[in-house]
Amino acid sequence: MASAQHRDAYHQFDSQIAKQQRSIDRGIASGKLTPREAEIVQDNLNHIRGALNRYKANDGRLDRRERDRLQRMLDKNDRMIRKAKHNSIRRVY
């Protein structure tokens, strides 16, 4: 049963990461994210992916501290993506 719980946790994080990746890709395509904004949130997302992969490689389990850390990072990056896509400051040229 524990391994099913860990698979569910990994799936949850993988889904959140994929959702953020789609949001970044759509923001770039629509011009709602500037290249610099996209670079920052993409770098954050790559860091989160790396952390998740390191946790998977260690012992295949996510403890509460690891889950909380991943969730905090994902939540913060999601807010950053949303804020960047909806800010009204754009170049006029």
Protein backbone atom coordinates (compact mmCIF):
# COMPACT_ATOMS: atom_id res chain seq x y z
CA MET A 1 0.00 0.00 0.00
CA ALA A 2 2.81 2.42 0.80
CA SER A 3 4.27 2.09 -2.70
CA ALA A 4 0.88 2.99 -4.20
CA GLN A 5 0.81 6.11 -2.03
CA HIS A 6 4.27 7.09 -3.27
CA ARG A 7 3.24 6.52 -6.89
CA ASP A 8 0.23 8.76 -6.29
CA ALA A 9 2.42 11.48 -4.77
CA TYR A 10 4.85 11.29 -7.70
CA HIS A 11 1.95 11.38 -10.14
CA GLN A 12 0.51 14.44 -8.39
CA PHE A 13 3.81 16.31 -8.67
CA ASP A 14 4.40 15.16 -12.25
CA SER A 15 0.93 16.45 -13.17
CA GLN A 16 1.55 19.82 -11.52
CA ILE A 17 4.90 20.14 -13.29
CA ALA A 18 3.33 19.27 -16.65
CA LYS A 19 0.56 21.83 -16.05
CA GLN A 20 3.10 24.55 -15.30
CA GLN A 21 5.12 23.59 -18.37
CA ARG A 22 2.01 23.97 -20.57
CA SER A 23 1.28 27.32 -18.95
CA ILE A 24 4.81 28.54 -19.65
CA ASP A 25 4.68 27.28 -23.24
CA ARG A 26 1.33 28.99 -23.84
CA GLY A 27 2.61 32.21 -22.25
CA ILE A 28 5.61 32.24 -24.57
CA ALA A 29 3.48 31.47 -27.63
CA SER A 30 0.95 34.19 -26.83
CA GLY A 31 3.56 36.77 -25.87
CA LYS A 32 2.14 37.06 -22.35
CA LEU A 33 5.52 36.03 -20.95
CA THR A 34 8.58 38.03 -21.92
CA PRO A 35 11.70 36.01 -22.72
CA ARG A 36 13.20 36.98 -19.35
CA GLU A 37 10.05 36.04 -17.41
CA ALA A 38 9.90 32.73 -19.27
CA GLU A 39 13.55 32.06 -18.52
CA ILE A 40 13.07 32.61 -14.80
CA VAL A 41 9.95 30.47 -14.34
CA GLN A 42 11.37 27.75 -16.64
CA ASP A 43 14.57 27.68 -14.60
CA ASN A 44 12.49 27.36 -11.43
CA LEU A 45 10.50 24.50 -12.94
CA ASN A 46 13.67 22.72 -14.06
CA HIS A 47 15.02 23.03 -10.49
CA ILE A 48 11.80 21.53 -9.12
CA ARG A 49 12.01 18.66 -11.63
CA GLY A 50 15.58 18.02 -10.53
CA ALA A 51 14.60 17.97 -6.86
CA LEU A 52 11.78 15.49 -7.57
CA ASN A 53 14.12 13.26 -9.57
CA ARG A 54 16.73 13.35 -6.78
CA TYR A 55 14.09 12.36 -4.23
CA LYS A 56 12.96 9.51 -6.48
CA ALA A 57 16.54 8.29 -6.93
CA ASN A 58 17.38 8.38 -3.21
CA ASP A 59 15.00 5.81 -1.82
CA GLY A 60 11.93 5.99 -4.03
CA ARG A 61 9.91 7.58 -1.26
CA LEU A 62 8.81 11.11 -0.52
CA ASP A 63 8.75 11.97 3.15
CA ARG A 64 6.58 14.77 4.49
CA ARG A 65 9.41 17.31 4.43
CA GLU A 66 10.18 16.53 0.79
CA ARG A 67 6.50 16.69 -0.22
CA ASP A 68 6.04 19.99 1.61
CA ARG A 69 9.16 21.48 0.01
CA LEU A 70 8.11 20.42 -3.49
CA GLN A 71 4.60 21.76 -2.95
CA ARG A 72 5.89 25.11 -1.68
CA MET A 73 8.20 25.47 -4.68
CA LEU A 74 5.42 24.53 -7.12
CA ASP A 75 2.96 26.92 -5.49
CA LYS A 76 5.43 29.78 -5.58
CA ASN A 77 6.35 29.15 -9.22
CA ASP A 78 2.67 28.92 -10.14
CA ARG A 79 2.06 32.33 -8.57
CA MET A 80 5.06 33.73 -10.42
CA ILE A 81 3.78 32.38 -13.75
CA ARG A 82 0.30 33.77 -13.15
CA LYS A 83 1.64 37.16 -12.08
CA ALA A 84 4.02 37.41 -15.02
CA LYS A 85 1.34 36.43 -17.55
CA HIS A 86 -1.09 39.03 -16.22
CA ASN A 87 1.16 42.01 -15.63
CA SER A 88 0.40 44.95 -17.85
CA ILE A 89 3.92 46.23 -18.42
CA ARG A 90 5.00 45.46 -21.98
CA ARG A 91 7.38 46.99 -24.44
CA VAL A 92 5.78 49.33 -26.94
CA TYR A 93 8.09 48.31 -29.77
